[in-house]
């Protein structure tokens, strides 16, 4: 699946990924990862989605191994209705998140889904 970049959005044929440009810059400075690379997680067939709630808002913590970065990455996203998803954060997964992800791959991932 290929992503197309237009300003503050990433498009593929299924969804529009949006972000706040100042948040993208601060995320890049803090975590060294650009929201434009979030497709590494969001389009992975080996993605684990964990529903979370923060500040009363339902979000998804998406985890996946990235071949490009050779590590497990975490993208936190929120649905903005319709086919739009907004990136809140994009970072390296914590040690605990990596353990949960590897355990899920080993014991629960269903390749047929």
Protein backbone atom coordinates (compact mmCIF):
# COMPACT_ATOMS: atom_id res chain seq x y z
CA UNK A 1 0.00 0.00 0.00
CA UNK A 2 1.45 3.38 -0.96
CA UNK A 3 0.92 6.59 0.97
CA UNK A 4 0.58 9.98 -0.69
CA UNK A 5 1.63 13.12 1.24
CA UNK A 6 -0.30 16.35 0.87
CA UNK A 7 0.71 18.98 3.46
CA UNK A 8 -0.51 17.73 6.83
CA UNK A 9 -2.15 14.56 5.56
CA UNK A 10 -1.21 11.10 4.46
CA UNK A 11 -3.66 9.39 2.14
CA UNK A 12 -3.98 5.82 1.10
CA UNK A 13 -7.02 4.36 -0.56
CA UNK A 14 -8.68 3.63 2.80
CA UNK A 15 -8.01 6.50 5.18
CA UNK A 16 -6.69 10.05 5.57
CA UNK A 17 -4.12 10.46 8.35
CA UNK A 18 -3.87 14.03 9.67
CA UNK A 19 -1.76 15.83 12.25
CA UNK A 20 -0.98 19.17 13.76
CA UNK A 21 2.20 20.52 12.16
CA UNK A 22 3.62 21.96 15.42
CA UNK A 23 2.94 18.61 17.14
CA UNK A 24 4.76 16.86 14.27
CA UNK A 25 7.80 19.11 14.78
CA UNK A 26 7.84 18.56 18.56
CA UNK A 27 7.40 14.79 18.10
CA UNK A 28 10.33 14.75 15.66
CA UNK A 29 12.51 16.67 18.14
CA UNK A 30 11.46 14.52 21.12
CA UNK A 31 11.30 11.04 19.56
CA UNK A 32 13.29 11.38 16.32
CA UNK A 33 10.34 10.07 14.30
CA UNK A 34 8.33 11.95 11.68
CA UNK A 35 4.55 11.55 11.51
CA UNK A 36 5.06 11.03 7.75
CA UNK A 37 6.64 7.67 8.58
CA UNK A 38 3.68 6.47 10.69
CA UNK A 39 2.60 4.26 7.79
CA UNK A 40 5.36 1.92 8.99
CA UNK A 41 2.96 1.02 11.80
CA UNK A 42 -0.44 1.92 10.44
CA UNK A 43 -0.24 -0.16 7.26
CA UNK A 44 1.46 -3.18 8.80
CA UNK A 45 -0.37 -6.49 8.62
CA UNK A 46 1.39 -7.34 11.91
CA UNK A 47 -0.13 -4.39 13.77
CA UNK A 48 -1.51 -4.78 17.27
CA UNK A 49 -4.17 -2.18 18.16
CA UNK A 50 -4.77 -1.49 21.85
CA UNK A 51 -7.77 0.70 22.69
CA UNK A 52 -6.97 3.31 25.34
CA UNK A 53 -8.73 6.34 26.83
CA UNK A 54 -6.85 9.52 27.67
CA UNK A 55 -8.48 12.73 28.86
CA UNK A 56 -11.86 11.07 28.25
CA UNK A 57 -11.01 10.53 24.57
CA UNK A 58 -10.91 7.02 23.04
CA UNK A 59 -7.64 6.42 21.22
CA UNK A 60 -5.76 3.54 19.63
CA UNK A 61 -2.21 2.64 20.56
CA UNK A 62 -0.94 0.80 17.47
CA UNK A 63 2.23 -1.31 17.72
CA UNK A 64 4.20 -2.93 14.93
CA UNK A 65 7.72 -3.96 14.05
CA UNK A 66 9.28 -1.66 11.46
CA UNK A 67 11.83 -3.09 9.05
CA UNK A 68 12.84 0.47 8.10
CA UNK A 69 13.72 1.35 11.71
CA UNK A 70 14.51 -2.21 12.90
CA UNK A 71 12.43 -1.85 16.05
CA UNK A 72 8.89 -1.95 17.37
CA UNK A 73 7.20 1.43 16.94
CA UNK A 74 4.09 2.91 18.53
CA UNK A 75 1.60 5.25 16.85
CA UNK A 76 -1.15 6.75 18.97
CA UNK A 77 -4.11 7.81 16.87
CA UNK A 78 -7.66 9.02 17.33
CA UNK A 79 -10.58 8.72 14.93
CA UNK A 80 -11.97 12.07 13.80
CA UNK A 81 -15.04 10.62 12.15
CA UNK A 82 -15.54 9.18 8.72
CA UNK A 83 -12.31 8.05 7.12
CA UNK A 84 -10.04 10.47 9.00
CA UNK A 85 -7.53 9.45 11.66
CA UNK A 86 -5.36 11.96 13.56
CA UNK A 87 -1.86 11.11 14.79
CA UNK A 88 -1.27 12.11 18.40
CA UNK A 89 2.19 10.58 18.86
CA UNK A 90 4.69 8.39 17.00
CA UNK A 91 7.55 6.91 18.97
CA UNK A 92 9.66 3.87 19.78
CA UNK A 93 7.69 1.35 21.82
CA UNK A 94 8.56 1.10 25.50
CA UNK A 95 10.10 -2.10 26.86
CA UNK A 96 6.73 -3.15 28.28
CA UNK A 97 4.98 -2.41 24.96
CA UNK A 98 7.60 -4.45 23.08
CA UNK A 99 7.06 -7.38 25.46
CA UNK A 100 3.28 -7.22 24.98
CA UNK A 101 3.73 -6.99 21.20
CA UNK A 102 6.14 -9.95 20.98
CA UNK A 103 3.90 -12.02 23.27
CA UNK A 104 0.90 -11.20 21.05
CA UNK A 105 2.82 -12.18 17.88
CA UNK A 106 3.96 -15.43 19.42
CA UNK A 107 0.70 -16.50 21.07
CA UNK A 108 -2.28 -14.66 19.61
CA UNK A 109 -1.53 -13.32 16.12
CA UNK A 110 -3.69 -15.03 13.54
CA UNK A 111 -2.07 -14.88 10.11
CA UNK A 112 -5.36 -15.80 8.44
CA UNK A 113 -7.18 -12.63 9.60
